[in-house]
Amino acid sequence: MPKGKSGGGGGGAKGGKGKGGASADADGGAKGKGKGGGSATVKVRHILCEKHSKCMEAMEKLQAGQKFNEVAAQYSEDKARQGGDLGWMTRGSMVGPFQEAAFALQPSTTANPSYTNPPVKTKFGYHIIMIEGKK
């Protein structure tokens, strides 16, 4: 029994990169098949504001034509201040309303973003979400 545990632990320690790749492939493959070939991952950017009024100020900037990443850097109140980039996120790794909105959007660019309007309310606050890609 300890040999099995040691071997599994050793494999994880030895192949940290490989382990991550293997789980990503396994998750992506399983979820992709379950969804019938639908997207399992999205490249997400967001602007998170605790107060609705601040979120609406950010929305006005976007509607006036300002780039999404610039508005995110100015208004977002989370770790994604560097242009609001959250990176690639998988189904199940986001809170319900955020995930639904993210997967419903079409990919767009920060210069000409397609984003959630009205903002999405979660336990973290109000989000304006855009996605840059799906896979």
N, C-alpha and C. Protein backbone atom coordinates (compact mmCIF):
# COMPACT_ATOMS: atom_id res chain seq x y z
N MET A 1 0.82 -1.21 0.00
CA MET A 1 0.00 0.00 0.00
C MET A 1 0.86 1.26 0.00
N PRO A 2 1.84 1.37 0.89
CA PRO A 2 2.69 2.57 0.85
C PRO A 2 3.40 2.71 -0.48
N LYS A 3 3.78 1.57 -1.12
CA LYS A 3 4.43 1.67 -2.42
C LYS A 3 3.51 2.34 -3.43
N GLY A 4 2.25 1.98 -3.43
CA GLY A 4 1.28 2.58 -4.36
C GLY A 4 1.16 4.07 -4.12
N LYS A 5 1.04 4.43 -2.84
CA LYS A 5 0.92 5.85 -2.50
C LYS A 5 2.19 6.59 -2.87
N SER A 6 3.31 5.97 -2.55
CA SER A 6 4.60 6.60 -2.84
C SER A 6 4.76 6.78 -4.35
N GLY A 7 4.41 5.74 -5.10
CA GLY A 7 4.53 5.81 -6.56
C GLY A 7 3.65 6.90 -7.13
N GLY A 8 2.42 7.00 -6.64
CA GLY A 8 1.51 8.03 -7.14
C GLY A 8 2.01 9.41 -6.78
N GLY A 9 2.48 9.55 -5.53
CA GLY A 9 3.01 10.84 -5.09
C GLY A 9 4.27 11.19 -5.84
N GLY A 10 5.13 10.17 -6.05
CA GLY A 10 6.37 10.40 -6.78
C GLY A 10 6.09 10.84 -8.20
N GLY A 11 5.09 10.23 -8.82
CA GLY A 11 4.73 10.60 -10.19
C GLY A 11 4.26 12.04 -10.24
N GLY A 12 3.49 12.44 -9.23
CA GLY A 12 2.99 13.82 -9.19
C GLY A 12 4.12 14.80 -8.98
N ALA A 13 5.05 14.46 -8.07
CA ALA A 13 6.16 15.36 -7.79
C ALA A 13 7.12 15.39 -8.98
N LYS A 14 7.34 14.22 -9.57
CA LYS A 14 8.28 14.11 -10.68
C LYS A 14 7.76 14.84 -11.91
N GLY A 15 6.50 14.66 -12.22
CA GLY A 15 5.94 15.23 -13.45
C GLY A 15 4.91 16.29 -13.16
N GLY A 16 5.27 17.33 -12.43
CA GLY A 16 4.32 18.40 -12.11
C GLY A 16 3.65 18.95 -13.36
N LYS A 17 4.47 19.21 -14.38
CA LYS A 17 3.92 19.75 -15.62
C LYS A 17 3.05 18.70 -16.30
N GLY A 18 3.55 17.47 -16.33
CA GLY A 18 2.82 16.39 -16.98
C GLY A 18 1.49 16.13 -16.28
N LYS A 19 1.50 16.20 -14.97
CA LYS A 19 0.28 15.95 -14.20
C LYS A 19 -0.77 17.01 -14.54
N GLY A 20 -0.34 18.26 -14.59
CA GLY A 20 -1.27 19.33 -14.92
C GLY A 20 -1.83 19.14 -16.31
N GLY A 21 -0.96 18.80 -17.26
CA GLY A 21 -1.40 18.59 -18.64
C GLY A 21 -2.36 17.42 -18.72
N ALA A 22 -2.06 16.35 -17.98
CA ALA A 22 -2.91 15.17 -18.03
C ALA A 22 -4.29 15.47 -17.48
N SER A 23 -4.35 16.20 -16.35
CA SER A 23 -5.67 16.48 -15.80
C SER A 23 -6.44 17.44 -16.69
N ALA A 24 -5.74 18.38 -17.29
CA ALA A 24 -6.44 19.32 -18.18
C ALA A 24 -7.00 18.56 -19.37
N ASP A 25 -6.20 17.64 -19.92
CA ASP A 25 -6.68 16.85 -21.06
C ASP A 25 -7.86 15.99 -20.65
N ALA A 26 -7.75 15.35 -19.50
CA ALA A 26 -8.82 14.47 -19.04
C ALA A 26 -10.10 15.27 -18.81
N ASP A 27 -9.98 16.41 -18.13
CA ASP A 27 -11.16 17.24 -17.87
C ASP A 27 -11.75 17.78 -19.17
N GLY A 28 -10.87 18.33 -20.00
CA GLY A 28 -11.34 18.92 -21.26
C GLY A 28 -12.00 17.88 -22.13
N GLY A 29 -11.38 16.70 -22.23
CA GLY A 29 -11.94 15.64 -23.06
C GLY A 29 -13.27 15.16 -22.52
N ALA A 30 -13.36 14.92 -21.24
CA ALA A 30 -14.59 14.42 -20.64
C ALA A 30 -15.71 15.45 -20.77
N LYS A 31 -15.38 16.70 -20.47
CA LYS A 31 -16.41 17.73 -20.53
C LYS A 31 -16.81 18.04 -21.96
N GLY A 32 -15.82 18.00 -22.86
CA GLY A 32 -16.11 18.25 -24.27
C GLY A 32 -17.06 17.20 -24.81
N LYS A 33 -16.81 15.92 -24.48
CA LYS A 33 -17.66 14.82 -24.95
C LYS A 33 -19.05 14.92 -24.34
N GLY A 34 -19.11 15.26 -23.06
CA GLY A 34 -20.39 15.36 -22.37
C GLY A 34 -21.26 16.46 -22.96
N LYS A 35 -20.61 17.47 -23.49
CA LYS A 35 -21.34 18.62 -24.01
C LYS A 35 -21.63 18.43 -25.50
N GLY A 36 -21.20 17.32 -26.06
CA GLY A 36 -21.46 17.09 -27.48
C GLY A 36 -20.61 17.97 -28.36
N GLY A 37 -19.35 18.22 -27.96
CA GLY A 37 -18.45 19.01 -28.79
C GLY A 37 -18.53 20.50 -28.52
N GLY A 38 -19.32 20.93 -27.55
CA GLY A 38 -19.42 22.35 -27.21
C GLY A 38 -18.16 22.83 -26.53
N SER A 39 -18.05 24.15 -26.36
CA SER A 39 -16.88 24.73 -25.71
C SER A 39 -16.82 24.31 -24.25
N ALA A 40 -15.62 23.97 -23.80
CA ALA A 40 -15.43 23.60 -22.40
C ALA A 40 -14.58 24.64 -21.69
N THR A 41 -13.95 25.54 -22.46
CA THR A 41 -13.06 26.54 -21.89
C THR A 41 -13.25 27.88 -22.60
N VAL A 42 -13.17 28.95 -21.82
CA VAL A 42 -13.25 30.30 -22.41
C VAL A 42 -12.12 31.16 -21.85
N LYS A 43 -11.61 32.07 -22.68
CA LYS A 43 -10.59 33.04 -22.23
C LYS A 43 -11.36 34.28 -21.81
N VAL A 44 -11.36 34.53 -20.51
CA VAL A 44 -12.24 35.54 -19.91
C VAL A 44 -11.50 36.80 -19.46
N ARG A 45 -12.15 37.93 -19.66
CA ARG A 45 -11.76 39.20 -19.04
C ARG A 45 -13.01 39.72 -18.34
N HIS A 46 -12.81 40.43 -17.24
CA HIS A 46 -13.96 41.03 -16.58
C HIS A 46 -13.58 42.30 -15.86
N ILE A 47 -14.61 43.04 -15.51
CA ILE A 47 -14.47 44.22 -14.66
C ILE A 47 -15.37 43.92 -13.46
N LEU A 48 -14.79 43.89 -12.28
CA LEU A 48 -15.54 43.57 -11.07
C LEU A 48 -15.63 44.81 -10.18
N CYS A 49 -16.86 45.18 -9.84
CA CYS A 49 -17.09 46.31 -8.94
C CYS A 49 -18.03 45.87 -7.83
N GLU A 50 -17.72 46.29 -6.61
CA GLU A 50 -18.58 45.96 -5.48
C GLU A 50 -19.91 46.71 -5.59
N LYS A 51 -19.85 47.96 -6.01
CA LYS A 51 -21.06 48.78 -6.10
C LYS A 51 -21.58 48.86 -7.53
N HIS A 52 -22.89 48.76 -7.66
CA HIS A 52 -23.54 48.82 -8.96
C HIS A 52 -23.24 50.13 -9.67
N SER A 53 -23.22 51.24 -8.92
CA SER A 53 -23.00 52.56 -9.52
C SER A 53 -21.62 52.65 -10.18
N LYS A 54 -20.60 52.09 -9.53
CA LYS A 54 -19.26 52.12 -10.10
C LYS A 54 -19.20 51.25 -11.36
N CYS A 55 -19.90 50.13 -11.33
CA CYS A 55 -19.95 49.24 -12.48
C CYS A 55 -20.62 49.94 -13.67
N MET A 56 -21.64 50.72 -13.38
CA MET A 56 -22.34 51.44 -14.45
C MET A 56 -21.46 52.56 -15.02
N GLU A 57 -20.59 53.15 -14.20
CA GLU A 57 -19.63 54.14 -14.70
C GLU A 57 -18.69 53.46 -15.70
N ALA A 58 -18.22 52.27 -15.35
CA ALA A 58 -17.34 51.51 -16.24
C ALA A 58 -18.07 51.18 -17.54
N MET A 59 -19.34 50.80 -17.42
CA MET A 59 -20.16 50.47 -18.59
C MET A 59 -20.26 51.68 -19.53
N GLU A 60 -20.43 52.86 -18.96
CA GLU A 60 -20.51 54.09 -19.77
C GLU A 60 -19.22 54.31 -20.55
N LYS A 61 -18.08 54.05 -19.92
CA LYS A 61 -16.78 54.20 -20.59
C LYS A 61 -16.69 53.24 -21.78
N LEU A 62 -17.15 52.01 -21.57
CA LEU A 62 -17.13 51.02 -22.66
C LEU A 62 -18.03 51.46 -23.81
N GLN A 63 -19.22 51.94 -23.45
CA GLN A 63 -20.16 52.37 -24.48
C GLN A 63 -19.66 53.59 -25.24
N ALA A 64 -18.78 54.37 -24.59
CA ALA A 64 -18.19 55.54 -25.25
C ALA A 64 -17.02 55.15 -26.16
N GLY A 65 -16.68 53.84 -26.17
CA GLY A 65 -15.66 53.36 -27.08
C GLY A 65 -14.28 53.11 -26.48
N GLN A 66 -14.15 53.23 -25.15
CA GLN A 66 -12.86 52.97 -24.52
C GLN A 66 -12.57 51.47 -24.53
N LYS A 67 -11.30 51.10 -24.65
CA LYS A 67 -10.91 49.68 -24.70
C LYS A 67 -11.23 48.99 -23.38
N PHE A 68 -11.67 47.73 -23.48
CA PHE A 68 -12.08 46.95 -22.31
C PHE A 68 -10.95 46.85 -21.29
N ASN A 69 -9.72 46.54 -21.74
CA ASN A 69 -8.61 46.36 -20.81
C ASN A 69 -8.26 47.66 -20.08
N GLU A 70 -8.45 48.80 -20.75
CA GLU A 70 -8.18 50.09 -20.10
C GLU A 70 -9.22 50.39 -19.03
N VAL A 71 -10.47 50.12 -19.34
CA VAL A 71 -11.55 50.35 -18.36
C VAL A 71 -11.37 49.39 -17.17
N ALA A 72 -10.99 48.14 -17.45
CA ALA A 72 -10.77 47.16 -16.39
C ALA A 72 -9.64 47.62 -15.46
N ALA A 73 -8.55 48.12 -16.03
CA ALA A 73 -7.42 48.57 -15.22
C ALA A 73 -7.83 49.74 -14.32
N GLN A 74 -8.75 50.56 -14.80
CA GLN A 74 -9.18 51.74 -14.06
C GLN A 74 -10.25 51.41 -13.01
N TYR A 75 -11.18 50.51 -13.33
CA TYR A 75 -12.35 50.30 -12.47
C TYR A 75 -12.40 48.97 -11.70
N SER A 76 -11.78 47.92 -12.23
CA SER A 76 -11.94 46.60 -11.60
C SER A 76 -11.30 46.56 -10.22
N GLU A 77 -11.99 45.91 -9.28
CA GLU A 77 -11.56 45.88 -7.88
C GLU A 77 -11.02 44.52 -7.46
N ASP A 78 -10.42 43.80 -8.38
CA ASP A 78 -9.88 42.48 -8.01
C ASP A 78 -8.48 42.31 -8.56
N LYS A 79 -7.96 41.08 -8.46
CA LYS A 79 -6.59 40.78 -8.88
C LYS A 79 -6.40 40.94 -10.39
N ALA A 80 -7.47 40.98 -11.13
CA ALA A 80 -7.37 41.05 -12.59
C ALA A 80 -7.27 42.50 -13.08
N ARG A 81 -6.67 43.35 -12.28
CA ARG A 81 -6.53 44.75 -12.67
C ARG A 81 -5.70 44.92 -13.93
N GLN A 82 -4.86 43.94 -14.26
CA GLN A 82 -4.06 44.05 -15.48
C GLN A 82 -4.94 43.79 -16.69
N GLY A 83 -5.86 44.67 -16.92
CA GLY A 83 -6.73 44.55 -18.09
C GLY A 83 -7.90 43.60 -17.89
N GLY A 84 -8.11 43.15 -16.65
CA GLY A 84 -9.24 42.28 -16.36
C GLY A 84 -9.06 40.84 -16.81
N ASP A 85 -7.85 40.46 -17.22
CA ASP A 85 -7.61 39.14 -17.78
C ASP A 85 -7.60 38.05 -16.71
N LEU A 86 -8.53 37.11 -16.82
CA LEU A 86 -8.60 35.97 -15.91
C LEU A 86 -8.00 34.72 -16.54
N GLY A 87 -7.65 34.80 -17.81
CA GLY A 87 -7.06 33.66 -18.52
C GLY A 87 -8.13 32.66 -18.95
N TRP A 88 -7.66 31.45 -19.28
CA TRP A 88 -8.56 30.37 -19.73
C TRP A 88 -9.22 29.74 -18.51
N MET A 89 -10.55 29.67 -18.53
CA MET A 89 -11.31 29.08 -17.43
C MET A 89 -12.22 27.97 -17.95
N THR A 90 -12.34 26.89 -17.18
CA THR A 90 -13.14 25.75 -17.59
C THR A 90 -14.53 25.80 -16.96
N ARG A 91 -15.45 25.08 -17.58
CA ARG A 91 -16.79 24.94 -16.99
C ARG A 91 -16.63 24.33 -15.60
N GLY A 92 -17.38 24.87 -14.64
CA GLY A 92 -17.32 24.36 -13.28
C GLY A 92 -16.34 25.10 -12.39
N SER A 93 -15.49 25.95 -13.00
CA SER A 93 -14.51 26.68 -12.19
C SER A 93 -14.98 28.10 -11.86
N MET A 94 -16.17 28.47 -12.35
CA MET A 94 -16.70 29.82 -12.12
C MET A 94 -18.04 29.71 -11.39
N VAL A 95 -18.43 30.80 -10.71
CA VAL A 95 -19.74 30.79 -10.04
C VAL A 95 -20.83 30.81 -11.11
N GLY A 96 -21.99 30.21 -10.78
CA GLY A 96 -23.08 29.99 -11.71
C GLY A 96 -23.42 31.12 -12.69
N PRO A 97 -23.88 32.28 -12.20
CA PRO A 97 -24.28 33.35 -13.12
C PRO A 97 -23.12 33.84 -13.99
N PHE A 98 -21.92 33.89 -13.44
CA PHE A 98 -20.73 34.32 -14.19
C PHE A 98 -20.46 33.33 -15.32
N GLN A 99 -20.49 32.04 -14.99
CA GLN A 99 -20.23 30.99 -15.98
C GLN A 99 -21.26 31.01 -17.10
N GLU A 100 -22.53 31.11 -16.74
CA GLU A 100 -23.60 31.14 -17.76
C GLU A 100 -23.38 32.29 -18.73
N ALA A 101 -23.08 33.47 -18.18
CA ALA A 101 -22.86 34.65 -19.01
C ALA A 101 -21.63 34.49 -19.89
N ALA A 102 -20.54 33.98 -19.32
CA ALA A 102 -19.28 33.83 -20.07
C ALA A 102 -19.45 32.89 -21.25
N PHE A 103 -20.11 31.75 -21.04
CA PHE A 103 -20.26 30.79 -22.12
C PHE A 103 -21.32 31.21 -23.14
N ALA A 104 -22.18 32.16 -22.79
CA ALA A 104 -23.20 32.65 -23.72
C ALA A 104 -22.63 33.71 -24.67
N LEU A 105 -21.51 34.34 -24.28
CA LEU A 105 -20.92 35.41 -25.10
C LEU A 105 -20.17 34.86 -26.30
N GLN A 106 -20.05 35.71 -27.32
CA GLN A 106 -19.22 35.40 -28.48
C GLN A 106 -17.86 36.04 -28.26
N PRO A 107 -16.79 35.41 -28.71
CA PRO A 107 -15.46 36.00 -28.56
C PRO A 107 -15.36 37.35 -29.26
N SER A 108 -14.61 38.27 -28.65
CA SER A 108 -14.40 39.59 -29.22
C SER A 108 -13.05 40.12 -28.78
N THR A 109 -12.71 41.33 -29.22
CA THR A 109 -11.41 41.92 -28.87
C THR A 109 -11.60 43.03 -27.85
N THR A 110 -10.52 43.40 -27.17
CA THR A 110 -10.61 44.47 -26.17
C THR A 110 -10.90 45.81 -26.83
N ALA A 111 -10.49 45.97 -28.09
CA ALA A 111 -10.73 47.23 -28.80
C ALA A 111 -12.20 47.35 -29.22
N ASN A 112 -12.85 46.22 -29.50
CA ASN A 112 -14.25 46.21 -29.92
C ASN A 112 -14.97 45.09 -29.17
N PRO A 113 -15.13 45.24 -27.84
CA PRO A 113 -15.64 44.14 -27.02
C PRO A 113 -17.15 43.90 -27.13
N SER A 114 -17.50 42.63 -27.01
CA SER A 114 -18.89 42.21 -26.87
C SER A 114 -18.98 41.75 -25.41
N TYR A 115 -19.75 42.46 -24.60
CA TYR A 115 -19.74 42.21 -23.15
C TYR A 115 -21.14 42.11 -22.58
N THR A 116 -21.23 41.67 -21.33
CA THR A 116 -22.52 41.52 -20.66
C THR A 116 -23.11 42.89 -20.33
N ASN A 117 -24.32 43.09 -20.76
CA ASN A 117 -25.04 44.33 -20.46
C ASN A 117 -26.50 43.94 -20.28
N PRO A 118 -27.03 43.98 -19.07
CA PRO A 118 -26.50 44.59 -17.85
C PRO A 118 -25.40 43.72 -17.21
N PRO A 119 -24.68 44.31 -16.24
CA PRO A 119 -23.65 43.55 -15.52
C PRO A 119 -24.25 42.33 -14.81
N VAL A 120 -23.41 41.32 -14.59
CA VAL A 120 -23.83 40.09 -13.92
C VAL A 120 -23.55 40.22 -12.43
N LYS A 121 -24.56 39.94 -11.61
CA LYS A 121 -24.43 40.02 -10.14
C LYS A 121 -24.07 38.65 -9.59
N THR A 122 -22.98 38.62 -8.79
CA THR A 122 -22.60 37.40 -8.08
C THR A 122 -22.31 37.78 -6.62
N LYS A 123 -21.91 36.79 -5.83
CA LYS A 123 -21.57 37.07 -4.43
C LYS A 123 -20.35 37.98 -4.31
N PHE A 124 -19.58 38.12 -5.39
CA PHE A 124 -18.39 38.96 -5.37
C PHE A 124 -18.69 40.42 -5.73
N GLY A 125 -19.81 40.66 -6.37
CA GLY A 125 -20.17 42.01 -6.81
C GLY A 125 -20.78 41.98 -8.20
N TYR A 126 -20.55 43.06 -8.94
CA TYR A 126 -21.09 43.20 -10.30
C TYR A 126 -19.97 43.04 -11.31
N HIS A 127 -20.21 42.19 -12.32
CA HIS A 127 -19.19 41.91 -13.33
C HIS A 127 -19.66 42.36 -14.71
N ILE A 128 -18.75 43.00 -15.44
CA ILE A 128 -18.94 43.18 -16.88
C ILE A 128 -17.95 42.17 -17.47
N ILE A 129 -18.46 41.23 -18.24
CA ILE A 129 -17.66 40.10 -18.72
C ILE A 129 -17.53 40.16 -20.25
N MET A 130 -16.35 39.83 -20.73
CA MET A 130 -16.15 39.61 -22.16
C MET A 130 -15.26 38.37 -22.31
N ILE A 131 -15.33 37.72 -23.46
CA ILE A 131 -14.44 36.59 -23.69
C ILE A 131 -13.65 36.84 -24.98
N GLU A 132 -12.41 36.35 -24.98
CA GLU A 132 -11.55 36.53 -26.15
C GLU A 132 -11.39 35.26 -26.96
N GLY A 133 -11.89 34.14 -26.43
CA GLY A 133 -11.78 32.89 -27.19
C GLY A 133 -12.53 31.76 -26.50
N LYS A 134 -12.80 30.71 -27.30
CA LYS A 134 -13.45 29.49 -26.78
C LYS A 134 -12.69 28.31 -27.35
N LYS A 135 -12.60 27.24 -26.53
CA LYS A 135 -12.04 25.99 -27.07
C LYS A 135 -12.60 24.81 -26.32
